Amino acid sequence: MTRTVVASATKEIIIGFDQPFCVIGERINPTGRKKLAAEMVQGNFETVKADALAQVAAGATMLDINAGVTAVNPNETEPPLLVKTLEIVQGLTDIPLSIDSSVTEAIKAGLETAKGRPLVNSVTGEEEKLEAILPLIKKYDVPVVAISNDETGISEDPDVRFAVAKKIVERAADFGIPAHDIVVDPLVMPIGAMGTAGLQVFKLLRRLRDELKVNTTCGLSNVSFGLPHRHGINAGFIPMVIGAGMTSAIMNPCRPQEMEAVRAANVLNGTDPNCQEWIMTYRDHKPAAAGATAAPAEGGASSGGRRRGGRAARLSAG
């Protein structure tokens, strides 16, 4: 059984088909958040701290850490800011972290700073990226997110995206990196723009699980981009992708409706033994009033769709 081990200085978690779904908190990402970006540039990390604590309280398994505040001189500005952000978050929580950057020097600085065994987010199928990132993955012995696009961009053909994922897994093997340390992002398309996006990703996830035997992740809210009541779509999407083989997602854990879907899928998938986590979370639950969302209080709410902007920016970054 494929198992991807991620760890902080004191806590280890496993991403795997026989494990509870791994929720990677997306909130510490200034992409599309002008206020947060401005704060971070000014050295103000109060929102970072609040978002870290809120996501942990809401049930995040890991936290994604991104410091891409500007497209101007990112090779100079991003590494020190990412280091500072990692240091602050590591001082607040012991859950494992994901180092999220398209800047090689920032990833290197993050790996020198992060304690334990962080996840690196990410590498694409572009040769330049493979040659820059994979040696770091090998040197620091950490897992990496592999995004299924290459020099030709993002294909709407799921077979092409599978081929890119396979290429990354094979190139990683050339560096001595095992497949269990590759977490593939098959790239979820917006269902509002492509009506077959759901069917495509379900098929692709099964192939990645059965043929490449790799763990998977995605920017969850991409699927609902452009639609009203996005969190209803996201909540419906979660158990379906888990059933198809997805083992983690970069998402907002402070959305109770979506976390309910994760926990319910864990129960039904057999990864919440004896329904223990479900019972502990919802045993005092009371039905909401008519028209309200039925869910326990789980931290603050925030607008969805962050990951699409962040991922789009990453894919276009040099």
Protein backbone atom coordinates (compact mmCIF):
# COMPACT_ATOMS: atom_id res chain seq x y z
CA MET A 1 0.00 0.00 0.00
CA THR A 2 1.41 3.40 -1.02
CA ARG A 3 2.20 5.61 1.95
CA THR A 4 3.65 9.11 1.84
CA VAL A 5 5.18 10.12 5.16
CA VAL A 6 5.13 13.82 6.10
CA ALA A 7 6.30 15.12 9.45
CA SER A 8 6.94 18.14 11.63
CA ALA A 9 9.59 18.08 14.35
CA THR A 10 7.25 16.12 16.63
CA LYS A 11 4.32 14.80 14.61
CA GLU A 12 4.16 12.36 11.70
CA ILE A 13 1.21 11.83 9.37
CA ILE A 14 0.73 9.40 6.51
CA ILE A 15 -1.01 10.14 3.24
CA GLY A 16 -2.37 6.90 1.86
CA PHE A 17 -5.33 4.99 0.46
CA ASP A 18 -5.88 3.30 3.81
CA GLN A 19 -5.55 6.52 5.80
CA PRO A 20 -8.01 9.31 6.68
CA PHE A 21 -8.22 11.93 3.94
CA CYS A 22 -5.42 14.46 4.36
CA VAL A 23 -6.73 18.03 4.56
CA ILE A 24 -4.00 20.51 3.60
CA GLY A 25 -5.08 23.95 4.81
CA GLU A 26 -4.84 26.52 2.03
CA ARG A 27 -5.33 29.81 3.87
CA ILE A 28 -1.71 30.94 4.32
CA ASN A 29 -1.42 32.07 0.74
CA PRO A 30 -1.38 35.77 -0.25
CA THR A 31 -2.37 35.04 -3.87
CA GLY A 32 -5.65 36.83 -4.43
CA ARG A 33 -5.59 38.19 -0.86
CA LYS A 34 -4.36 41.78 -1.20
CA LYS A 35 -4.69 42.56 2.49
CA LEU A 36 -2.67 39.53 3.53
CA ALA A 37 -0.01 40.23 0.89
CA ALA A 38 0.34 43.82 2.08
CA GLU A 39 0.61 42.71 5.70
CA MET A 40 3.31 40.16 4.94
CA VAL A 41 5.35 42.68 2.94
CA GLN A 42 5.18 45.04 5.93
CA GLY A 43 6.31 42.29 8.31
CA ASN A 44 2.87 41.94 9.89
CA PHE A 45 2.06 38.26 10.44
CA GLU A 46 -1.03 38.56 12.62
CA THR A 47 -3.35 37.22 9.92
CA VAL A 48 -0.90 34.39 9.20
CA LYS A 49 -0.98 33.44 12.88
CA ALA A 50 -4.77 33.65 13.07
CA ASP A 51 -5.21 31.60 9.90
CA ALA A 52 -2.78 28.94 11.11
CA LEU A 53 -4.55 28.50 14.43
CA ALA A 54 -8.04 28.59 12.89
CA GLN A 55 -7.19 25.90 10.33
CA VAL A 56 -5.68 23.61 12.95
CA ALA A 57 -8.73 24.07 15.19
CA ALA A 58 -11.00 23.28 12.23
CA GLY A 59 -9.29 19.94 11.62
CA ALA A 60 -6.49 20.54 9.08
CA THR A 61 -4.04 17.65 8.82
CA MET A 62 -1.30 19.85 7.34
CA LEU A 63 -0.82 23.52 6.47
CA ASP A 64 0.28 24.83 3.08
CA ILE A 65 2.65 27.80 3.41
CA ASN A 66 2.98 30.24 0.51
CA ALA A 67 4.77 33.61 0.57
CA GLY A 68 4.42 34.64 -3.07
CA VAL A 69 3.39 38.23 -2.43
CA THR A 70 4.66 39.74 -5.67
CA ALA A 71 5.75 38.87 -9.19
CA VAL A 72 8.48 41.53 -8.95
CA ASN A 73 11.89 40.03 -8.16
CA PRO A 74 10.44 36.89 -6.49
CA ASN A 75 13.91 35.28 -6.43
CA GLU A 76 14.96 38.03 -4.03
CA THR A 77 11.79 38.72 -2.06
CA GLU A 78 10.19 35.31 -1.66
CA PRO A 79 12.92 33.19 0.00
CA PRO A 80 13.35 35.33 3.16
CA LEU A 81 9.60 35.90 3.48
CA LEU A 82 8.88 32.19 3.16
CA VAL A 83 11.51 31.42 5.80
CA LYS A 84 9.97 33.93 8.21
CA THR A 85 6.47 32.57 7.61
CA LEU A 86 7.60 29.00 8.17
CA GLU A 87 9.35 29.96 11.40
CA ILE A 88 6.25 31.71 12.72
CA VAL A 89 3.87 28.86 11.85
CA GLN A 90 6.24 26.23 13.27
CA GLY A 91 6.23 28.20 16.52
CA LEU A 92 2.44 27.98 16.73
CA THR A 93 1.62 24.40 15.71
CA ASP A 94 3.23 21.00 15.47
CA ILE A 95 1.32 19.72 12.42
CA PRO A 96 3.36 19.06 9.25
CA LEU A 97 3.76 21.76 6.62
CA SER A 98 3.77 22.05 2.85
CA ILE A 99 6.34 24.43 1.31
CA ASP A 100 4.45 26.08 -1.53
CA SER A 101 6.40 28.03 -4.13
CA SER A 102 7.25 28.21 -7.82
CA VAL A 103 10.61 29.81 -6.98
CA THR A 104 13.43 27.29 -6.68
CA GLU A 105 15.48 29.43 -4.30
CA ALA A 106 12.46 29.83 -2.03
CA ILE A 107 11.91 26.07 -1.94
CA LYS A 108 15.58 25.57 -1.08
CA ALA A 109 15.41 28.16 1.70
CA GLY A 110 12.20 26.58 2.97
CA LEU A 111 13.77 23.13 3.08
CA GLU A 112 16.66 24.52 5.10
CA THR A 113 14.18 26.01 7.58
CA ALA A 114 11.33 23.53 7.86
CA LYS A 115 11.60 20.95 10.61
CA GLY A 116 10.81 17.29 10.10
CA ARG A 117 9.77 16.10 6.65
CA PRO A 118 7.69 18.73 4.84
CA LEU A 119 5.85 18.28 1.57
CA VAL A 120 7.18 20.40 -1.31
CA ASN A 121 4.54 22.00 -3.50
CA SER A 122 5.52 21.62 -6.32
CA VAL A 123 7.24 20.37 -9.48
CA THR A 124 5.81 20.27 -13.01
CA GLY A 125 6.73 18.11 -15.99
CA GLU A 126 8.84 20.87 -17.51
CA GLU A 127 12.43 19.71 -17.92
CA GLU A 128 13.82 22.91 -16.42
CA LYS A 129 11.69 22.42 -13.30
CA LEU A 130 12.50 18.72 -13.02
CA GLU A 131 16.23 19.43 -13.17
CA ALA A 132 15.94 22.21 -10.57
CA ILE A 133 13.55 20.64 -8.04
CA LEU A 134 14.16 16.89 -8.08
CA PRO A 135 17.77 17.15 -6.82
CA LEU A 136 16.46 19.11 -3.82
CA ILE A 137 13.80 16.48 -3.17
CA LYS A 138 16.49 13.81 -3.17
CA LYS A 139 18.95 15.79 -1.07
CA TYR A 140 16.45 16.60 1.68
CA ASP A 141 14.56 13.28 1.38
CA VAL A 142 11.10 14.87 1.23
CA PRO A 143 7.94 14.16 -0.77
CA VAL A 144 6.81 16.45 -3.60
CA VAL A 145 3.58 17.43 -5.34
CA ALA A 146 3.80 16.67 -9.07
CA ILE A 147 1.54 18.89 -11.18
CA SER A 148 0.36 17.27 -14.40
CA ASN A 149 1.39 19.95 -16.88
CA ASP A 150 4.56 20.53 -18.88
CA GLU A 151 6.01 22.90 -21.50
CA THR A 152 2.83 22.55 -23.57
CA GLY A 153 0.64 23.86 -20.75
CA ILE A 154 -2.42 22.24 -19.18
CA SER A 155 -4.10 19.74 -21.46
CA GLU A 156 -7.86 19.21 -21.37
CA ASP A 157 -7.17 15.59 -22.33
CA PRO A 158 -6.89 13.45 -19.16
CA ASP A 159 -4.72 10.92 -21.00
CA VAL A 160 -2.15 13.65 -21.64
CA ARG A 161 -2.22 14.69 -18.00
CA PHE A 162 -1.71 11.06 -16.99
CA ALA A 163 1.27 10.83 -19.34
CA VAL A 164 2.83 13.92 -17.75
CA ALA A 165 2.34 12.45 -14.27
CA LYS A 166 3.95 9.20 -15.40
CA LYS A 167 6.88 11.15 -16.84
CA ILE A 168 7.45 12.92 -13.52
CA VAL A 169 7.32 9.65 -11.59
CA GLU A 170 9.83 8.09 -13.98
CA ARG A 171 12.16 11.10 -13.92
CA ALA A 172 11.99 11.11 -10.12
CA ALA A 173 13.05 7.45 -10.13
CA ASP A 174 16.12 8.48 -12.14
CA PHE A 175 17.11 10.62 -9.14
CA GLY A 176 16.43 7.77 -6.70
CA ILE A 177 13.11 9.22 -5.51
CA PRO A 178 10.49 6.49 -4.92
CA ALA A 179 6.95 6.73 -6.28
CA HIS A 180 5.52 6.84 -2.76
CA ASP A 181 7.14 10.26 -2.34
CA ILE A 182 5.33 11.65 -5.40
CA VAL A 183 1.88 13.12 -4.73
CA VAL A 184 0.28 13.82 -8.11
CA ASP A 185 -2.02 16.77 -8.73
CA PRO A 186 -4.09 15.71 -11.76
CA LEU A 187 -5.35 19.29 -12.20
CA VAL A 188 -9.06 19.69 -11.52
CA MET A 189 -10.80 21.83 -14.14
CA PRO A 190 -13.77 24.14 -13.37
CA ILE A 191 -16.97 22.18 -13.89
CA GLY A 192 -18.78 25.36 -14.93
CA ALA A 193 -16.48 25.75 -17.92
CA MET A 194 -16.02 22.05 -18.75
CA GLY A 195 -19.00 19.85 -18.09
CA THR A 196 -16.90 16.67 -18.22
CA ALA A 197 -14.35 17.90 -15.66
CA GLY A 198 -15.73 15.71 -12.88
CA LEU A 199 -15.88 12.55 -14.97
CA GLN A 200 -12.37 13.25 -16.28
CA VAL A 201 -10.79 13.60 -12.87
CA PHE A 202 -12.55 10.53 -11.46
CA LYS A 203 -11.19 8.42 -14.33
CA LEU A 204 -7.74 9.95 -14.00
CA LEU A 205 -7.60 9.36 -10.25
CA ARG A 206 -8.40 5.66 -10.72
CA ARG A 207 -5.57 5.34 -13.25
CA LEU A 208 -3.13 7.14 -10.97
CA ARG A 209 -4.10 4.84 -8.10
CA ASP A 210 -4.18 1.58 -10.04
CA GLU A 211 -1.42 2.07 -12.61
CA LEU A 212 1.10 4.46 -11.02
CA LYS A 213 0.07 3.63 -7.43
CA VAL A 214 0.70 7.19 -6.29
CA ASN A 215 -1.05 9.40 -3.79
CA THR A 216 -2.89 12.42 -5.13
CA THR A 217 -3.96 15.94 -4.23
CA CYS A 218 -5.66 18.95 -5.84
CA GLY A 219 -6.73 22.53 -5.35
CA LEU A 220 -10.23 21.46 -4.31
CA SER A 221 -12.14 24.67 -4.96
CA ASN A 222 -11.00 24.81 -8.60
CA VAL A 223 -13.94 22.54 -9.46
CA SER A 224 -16.54 25.13 -8.43
CA PHE A 225 -14.87 28.24 -9.86
CA GLY A 226 -17.40 30.66 -11.34
CA LEU A 227 -20.49 28.98 -9.88
CA PRO A 228 -22.87 30.23 -7.18
CA HIS A 229 -22.95 28.48 -3.79
CA ARG A 230 -19.51 27.01 -4.47
CA HIS A 231 -19.25 25.18 -1.17
CA GLY A 232 -22.17 22.95 -2.03
CA ILE A 233 -20.32 21.81 -5.16
CA ASN A 234 -17.09 21.38 -3.21
CA ALA A 235 -18.82 19.33 -0.52
CA GLY A 236 -20.36 17.05 -3.14
CA PHE A 237 -17.05 16.70 -4.94
CA ILE A 238 -15.10 15.57 -1.87
CA PRO A 239 -16.60 12.08 -1.29
CA MET A 240 -16.62 11.42 -5.04
CA VAL A 241 -12.90 12.11 -5.49
CA ILE A 242 -12.10 10.17 -2.34
CA GLY A 243 -14.07 7.25 -3.72
CA ALA A 244 -12.09 7.49 -6.95
CA GLY A 245 -8.78 7.37 -5.08
CA MET A 246 -7.76 10.89 -4.09
CA THR A 247 -5.90 10.91 -0.79
CA SER A 248 -5.44 14.61 0.02
CA ALA A 249 -6.57 18.07 -1.04
CA ILE A 250 -5.48 21.66 -0.61
CA MET A 251 -8.66 23.23 0.75
CA ASN A 252 -10.18 25.53 3.34
CA PRO A 253 -10.82 23.50 6.51
CA CYS A 254 -12.73 26.40 8.04
CA ARG A 255 -15.69 25.58 5.80
CA PRO A 256 -17.86 23.30 8.00
CA GLN A 257 -19.88 21.91 5.09
CA GLU A 258 -16.73 20.71 3.35
CA MET A 259 -15.18 19.27 6.50
CA GLU A 260 -18.41 17.38 7.20
CA ALA A 261 -18.05 15.81 3.76
CA VAL A 262 -14.44 14.81 4.49
CA ARG A 263 -15.34 13.24 7.83
CA ALA A 264 -18.36 11.45 6.39
CA ALA A 265 -16.24 10.07 3.55
CA ASN A 266 -13.70 8.80 6.08
CA VAL A 267 -16.49 6.98 7.92
CA LEU A 268 -17.89 5.43 4.76
CA ASN A 269 -14.44 4.63 3.35
CA GLY A 270 -13.44 2.75 6.50
CA THR A 271 -10.66 5.14 7.50
CA ASP A 272 -12.46 6.37 10.63
CA PRO A 273 -12.50 3.14 12.67
CA ASN A 274 -15.65 2.72 14.74
CA CYS A 275 -16.72 6.19 13.57
CA GLN A 276 -14.62 7.55 16.42
CA GLU A 277 -13.62 10.87 14.84
CA TRP A 278 -17.18 11.48 13.62
CA ILE A 279 -18.66 10.79 17.05
CA MET A 280 -16.09 12.93 18.87
CA THR A 281 -16.73 15.83 16.49
CA TYR A 282 -20.51 15.70 16.21
CA ARG A 283 -21.81 14.03 19.37
CA ASP A 284 -23.07 17.39 20.69
CA HIS A 285 -24.32 18.52 17.29
CA LYS A 286 -27.74 20.17 17.17
CA PRO A 287 -29.73 20.60 13.96
CA ALA A 288 -29.47 24.08 12.50
CA ALA A 289 -32.46 26.33 12.08
CA ALA A 290 -34.25 26.24 8.72
CA GLY A 291 -32.13 27.84 6.02
CA ALA A 292 -28.89 27.60 7.99
CA THR A 293 -25.99 25.28 7.32
CA ALA A 294 -26.06 22.33 9.69
CA ALA A 295 -22.58 22.12 11.15
CA PRO A 296 -20.71 22.58 14.42
CA ALA A 297 -18.69 25.74 14.95
CA GLU A 298 -15.29 25.18 13.39
CA GLY A 299 -13.37 28.41 13.13
CA GLY A 300 -13.91 31.41 10.89
CA ALA A 301 -15.15 31.43 7.33
CA SER A 302 -13.40 32.82 4.32
CA SER A 303 -14.05 33.14 0.64
CA GLY A 304 -13.27 30.16 -1.60
CA GLY A 305 -11.31 30.01 -4.81
CA ARG A 306 -7.90 30.95 -3.49
CA ARG A 307 -6.15 27.94 -4.94
CA ARG A 308 -7.17 28.54 -8.52
CA GLY A 309 -5.47 31.93 -8.53
CA GLY A 310 -2.44 30.53 -6.73
CA ARG A 311 -2.14 27.52 -9.00
CA ALA A 312 -2.63 29.60 -12.14
CA ALA A 313 0.09 31.96 -10.98
CA ARG A 314 2.40 29.04 -10.27
CA LEU A 315 1.87 27.43 -13.64
CA SER A 316 2.73 30.65 -15.42
CA ALA A 317 5.77 31.37 -13.25
CA GLY A 318 9.18 30.90 -14.71
